[in-house]
Protein backbone atom coordinates (compact mmCIF):
# COMPACT_ATOMS: atom_id res chain seq x y z
CA MET A 1 0.00 0.00 0.00
CA ILE A 2 2.64 2.53 1.13
CA VAL A 3 6.34 2.01 0.49
CA VAL A 4 8.80 4.54 1.92
CA LYS A 5 12.48 4.36 0.93
CA ASP A 6 15.26 6.37 2.58
CA LEU A 7 13.03 9.41 3.15
CA LYS A 8 14.81 12.59 4.22
CA ARG A 9 13.60 16.07 5.09
CA TYR A 10 16.18 18.73 5.88
CA TYR A 11 15.59 22.35 6.84
CA GLY A 12 18.19 25.10 6.60
CA SER A 13 21.74 24.66 5.28
CA GLY A 14 25.30 24.27 6.42
CA GLN A 15 25.83 24.16 10.16
CA ASN A 16 22.21 25.22 10.67
CA THR A 17 20.79 22.18 8.88
CA VAL A 18 18.01 20.43 10.81
CA LYS A 19 17.50 16.81 9.81
CA ALA A 20 13.80 16.36 10.59
CA LEU A 21 13.88 12.99 8.79
CA ASN A 22 17.17 11.26 8.13
CA GLY A 23 16.71 8.17 6.01
CA VAL A 24 13.39 6.57 7.04
CA SER A 25 12.20 3.38 5.32
CA PHE A 26 9.14 1.17 5.94
CA GLU A 27 6.05 -0.33 4.31
CA ILE A 28 2.39 -0.19 5.33
CA LYS A 29 -0.07 -2.82 4.10
CA LYS A 30 -3.64 -2.13 3.01
CA GLY A 31 -6.02 -2.22 5.96
CA GLU A 32 -3.40 -1.63 8.65
CA PHE A 33 -3.95 0.80 11.52
CA VAL A 34 -0.52 2.26 12.25
CA ALA A 35 0.56 4.71 14.93
CA ILE A 36 3.62 6.92 14.44
CA MET A 37 5.10 7.81 17.81
CA GLY A 38 8.07 9.65 19.25
CA ALA A 39 9.04 12.60 21.40
CA SER A 40 8.38 16.17 20.33
CA GLY A 41 10.73 17.00 17.45
CA SER A 42 11.26 13.36 16.47
CA GLY A 43 9.89 13.95 12.95
CA LYS A 44 6.53 12.21 13.21
CA THR A 45 4.34 15.10 11.98
CA THR A 46 6.89 15.92 9.25
CA LEU A 47 6.64 12.32 8.06
CA LEU A 48 2.85 12.35 8.10
CA ARG A 49 2.65 15.60 6.14
CA ILE A 50 5.00 14.24 3.47
CA LEU A 51 3.03 11.02 3.13
CA ALA A 52 -0.21 13.01 2.85
CA LEU A 53 1.36 15.17 0.11
CA LEU A 54 1.15 18.32 2.23
CA ASP A 55 4.93 18.75 2.25
CA ASP A 56 7.89 17.71 0.09
CA ALA A 57 10.77 15.42 0.98
CA THR A 58 14.36 16.53 0.49
CA ALA A 59 15.36 13.09 -0.77
CA GLY A 60 14.08 9.54 -0.96
CA GLU A 61 10.86 8.26 -2.46
CA TYR A 62 7.45 6.96 -1.45
CA THR A 63 4.75 5.16 -3.38
CA ILE A 64 1.06 4.62 -2.71
CA ARG A 65 -0.53 1.62 -4.42
CA GLY A 66 2.46 1.48 -6.77
CA LEU A 67 2.24 5.14 -7.79
CA LYS A 68 5.40 7.12 -7.07
CA VAL A 69 3.56 10.09 -5.59
CA SER A 70 6.81 11.71 -4.45
CA SER A 71 7.64 12.60 -8.04
CA LEU A 72 4.22 13.73 -9.28
CA PRO A 73 3.92 17.27 -10.72
CA GLU A 74 2.26 19.68 -8.28
CA ALA A 75 -1.08 19.76 -10.14
CA GLU A 76 -1.32 15.95 -10.06
CA ARG A 77 -0.25 15.88 -6.40
CA SER A 78 -3.02 18.33 -5.53
CA TYR A 79 -5.62 16.27 -7.37
CA TYR A 80 -4.42 13.04 -5.75
CA ARG A 81 -4.49 14.69 -2.33
CA LEU A 82 -8.04 15.97 -2.93
CA THR A 83 -9.48 12.71 -4.24
CA GLN A 84 -7.46 9.85 -2.72
CA VAL A 85 -6.14 10.99 0.66
CA GLY A 86 -8.04 11.81 3.86
CA TYR A 87 -6.42 14.02 6.50
CA VAL A 88 -7.63 14.72 10.03
CA PHE A 89 -6.11 17.74 11.80
CA GLN A 90 -5.74 17.97 15.57
CA ASP A 91 -7.61 21.30 15.64
CA TYR A 92 -10.59 19.97 13.59
CA ALA A 93 -10.22 22.65 10.85
CA LEU A 94 -13.99 23.08 10.57
CA ILE A 95 -15.74 26.16 9.18
CA ASN A 96 -17.73 27.66 12.06
CA GLU A 97 -20.48 29.13 9.90
CA MET A 98 -21.22 25.79 8.24
CA SER A 99 -23.30 22.90 9.57
CA ALA A 100 -21.74 19.49 10.18
CA ALA A 101 -23.11 18.24 6.86
CA GLU A 102 -21.83 21.29 4.99
CA ASN A 103 -18.37 20.87 6.48
CA VAL A 104 -18.36 17.30 5.21
CA TYR A 105 -19.80 17.78 1.74
CA VAL A 106 -17.81 20.85 0.73
CA LEU A 107 -15.04 18.60 -0.65
CA SER A 108 -17.52 16.54 -2.69
CA MET A 109 -18.81 19.73 -4.28
CA MET A 110 -15.23 20.79 -5.03
CA GLU A 111 -14.90 17.53 -6.95
CA GLY A 112 -17.87 18.55 -9.09
CA LYS A 113 -20.64 16.49 -7.51
CA SER A 114 -24.13 17.98 -7.19
CA LYS A 115 -25.31 19.42 -3.88
CA LYS A 116 -27.89 16.65 -3.52
CA GLU A 117 -25.34 13.88 -4.10
CA SER A 118 -22.81 15.61 -1.85
CA TYR A 119 -25.38 15.90 0.94
CA GLU A 120 -26.23 12.19 0.70
CA ILE A 121 -22.52 11.34 0.87
CA ALA A 122 -22.17 13.58 3.93
CA LEU A 123 -25.08 11.90 5.73
CA GLU A 124 -23.59 8.47 5.08
CA ALA A 125 -20.19 9.59 6.41
CA LEU A 126 -21.74 11.21 9.50
CA ASP A 127 -23.67 8.02 10.19
CA LYS A 128 -20.42 6.00 10.11
CA VAL A 129 -18.93 8.20 12.84
CA GLY A 130 -22.04 8.10 15.04
CA LEU A 131 -23.44 11.56 14.30
CA THR A 132 -26.77 10.67 12.72
CA GLY A 133 -29.27 13.44 13.46
CA LYS A 134 -26.62 16.09 14.10
CA GLN A 135 -26.01 17.03 10.49
CA ASP A 136 -27.55 20.51 10.88
CA ARG A 137 -25.58 21.55 13.96
CA ILE A 138 -22.78 24.09 13.60
CA PRO A 139 -19.42 23.41 15.33
CA ASP A 140 -20.27 25.64 18.32
CA GLU A 141 -23.18 23.29 19.08
CA LEU A 142 -20.95 20.20 19.17
CA SER A 143 -18.57 18.82 21.79
CA GLY A 144 -14.86 18.53 21.05
CA GLY A 145 -15.22 14.84 20.34
CA GLU A 146 -18.14 15.46 18.01
CA LYS A 147 -16.19 18.14 16.15
CA GLN A 148 -13.37 15.69 15.59
CA ARG A 149 -15.84 13.07 14.38
CA VAL A 150 -17.15 15.61 11.84
CA ALA A 151 -13.55 16.07 10.71
CA ILE A 152 -13.21 12.28 10.37
CA ALA A 153 -16.46 12.13 8.40
CA ARG A 154 -15.11 14.80 6.06
CA ALA A 155 -11.95 12.73 5.57
CA ILE A 156 -13.77 9.46 4.80
CA ALA A 157 -16.56 10.98 2.68
CA LYS A 158 -14.43 10.71 -0.45
CA LYS A 159 -13.60 7.07 0.38
CA PRO A 160 -9.84 7.66 0.45
CA ASP A 161 -7.24 4.94 -0.01
CA ILE A 162 -5.57 6.09 3.20
CA MET A 163 -6.57 8.28 6.11
CA PHE A 164 -3.89 10.25 7.90
CA ALA A 165 -4.53 11.73 11.34
CA ASP A 166 -2.21 14.17 13.11
CA GLU A 167 -2.67 13.97 16.91
CA PRO A 168 -6.47 13.72 16.48
CA CYS A 169 -7.05 13.53 20.25
CA ALA A 170 -4.60 16.26 21.29
CA ASN A 171 -7.37 18.71 22.25
CA LEU A 172 -9.73 16.14 23.79
CA ASP A 173 -10.25 14.70 27.26
CA THR A 174 -9.94 10.96 27.82
CA ASN A 175 -13.63 10.18 27.26
CA ASN A 176 -13.83 12.10 23.98
CA SER A 177 -10.49 10.63 22.91
CA LYS A 178 -11.88 7.13 23.39
CA GLN A 179 -14.94 8.00 21.30
CA VAL A 180 -12.75 9.25 18.47
CA LEU A 181 -10.43 6.24 18.63
CA ASP A 182 -13.44 3.91 18.70
CA VAL A 183 -14.52 5.50 15.41
CA PHE A 184 -11.09 4.93 13.89
CA LYS A 185 -11.10 1.32 15.10
CA ASP A 186 -14.58 0.73 13.68
CA LEU A 187 -13.59 2.18 10.31
CA ASN A 188 -10.52 -0.02 10.29
CA ASP A 189 -12.23 -3.24 11.43
CA LYS A 190 -15.53 -2.99 9.56
CA HIS A 191 -14.56 -1.07 6.44
CA GLY A 192 -10.89 -1.98 6.01
CA GLN A 193 -9.79 1.66 6.12
CA THR A 194 -6.03 2.08 6.15
CA ILE A 195 -5.15 4.58 8.89
CA VAL A 196 -1.84 6.22 9.78
CA MET A 197 -2.07 8.22 12.99
CA VAL A 198 0.48 10.37 14.80
CA THR A 199 0.10 10.23 18.58
CA HIS A 200 2.16 10.64 21.72
CA GLU A 201 -0.23 8.83 24.10
CA GLN A 202 0.95 5.33 24.96
CA TRP A 203 -2.57 4.05 25.74
CA HIS A 204 -3.60 4.75 22.15
CA THR A 205 -1.58 1.70 21.12
CA GLU A 206 -4.47 -0.44 22.37
CA TYR A 207 -6.32 0.54 19.19
CA VAL A 208 -3.63 0.00 16.55
CA ASP A 209 -2.03 -2.95 14.78
CA ARG A 210 1.45 -1.53 14.71
CA VAL A 211 3.65 1.23 16.15
CA ILE A 212 6.44 2.97 14.25
CA THR A 213 8.66 4.99 16.59
CA LEU A 214 10.92 7.85 15.49
CA GLU A 215 13.78 9.47 17.36
CA ASP A 216 15.64 12.49 15.99
CA GLY A 217 14.40 11.77 12.48
CA ILE A 218 15.40 8.11 12.51
CA LEU A 219 13.14 5.06 12.71
CA VAL A 220 14.20 3.29 15.91
CA SER A 221 11.49 0.61 16.20
CA ASP A 222 8.64 -0.94 14.22
CA GLU A 223 6.51 -3.28 16.34
CA MET A 224 3.27 -5.18 15.92
CA MET A 225 0.76 -4.75 18.77
CA ASP A 226 -1.62 -7.20 20.40
CA GLU A 227 -5.16 -6.31 21.53
CA SER A 228 -3.91 -4.98 24.88
CA GLY A 229 -1.52 -2.53 23.23
CA GLU A 230 1.56 -4.60 24.09
CA GLU A 231 4.25 -5.61 21.61
CA LYS A 232 3.75 -9.06 20.09
C-alpha cells in the first residue's frame, strides 16, 4: 500500500541544517492501523505531512498503491491529495459558519458532484462516525469529540485509499479521545480503512495494529501490537 524508501527532510543549510527525517524506510499494508510515535521533534508530523502530500521530501521516495507520488507534478499531487487521501487535523479545521453536513460535503462539491449527491454522501459519512441526526448543527453546538468526528467524516466521505490523522485527540479529554479512537477502530475493522495516525499517548496503542517509533528523524522501532496494546 505505502512504500517509503530512505526518506529525508532537511531544513536550513550548512551548520544550521536540521534533519527532521534522516533516512526513514518502511512499508504499510492495506487495511493496517498504524501509529507513528516519538518525542516532540522526532519527525513524526513531518513524516505524516510528506506522506499526505502536504509537504515535500528533500530526498528519498514513497509510493502509494504502486504510484510514485513523491515525483508527481504539483497539479497531479493536488488532485491526488483531494481525491485519494483523507487528513484529520488535531484542531478539527472546521468552518464555524457551516453545519456538520456542509463541512463534510464541501469537498464533494469541489470535486464537481451535485449538492444533492454531496449531501447524501455527507449523511452516510456522519452516520459512520455516530453523528446521525446532528447534520444541521454548527461546530459551536458540538462537543470537542463530536467536532473531531465531523472532521473524520469529512476525511472518509471521499472514500480515500488512506486516512492520515495528526494527533487527532490532542485537544480532547480521555472520554472524547476514546470515542474518536473507537470511530477509527470501527472504520478499520468494519470497512478496512487504512489509517496512519500520529500520537504521543501510549494508551492509544491499544487501538492500533502496529507502532512505528521515530527518534531524531530516525526510525528506531517498528513493532506489531496485540489487543492490549503490548508488543507481540
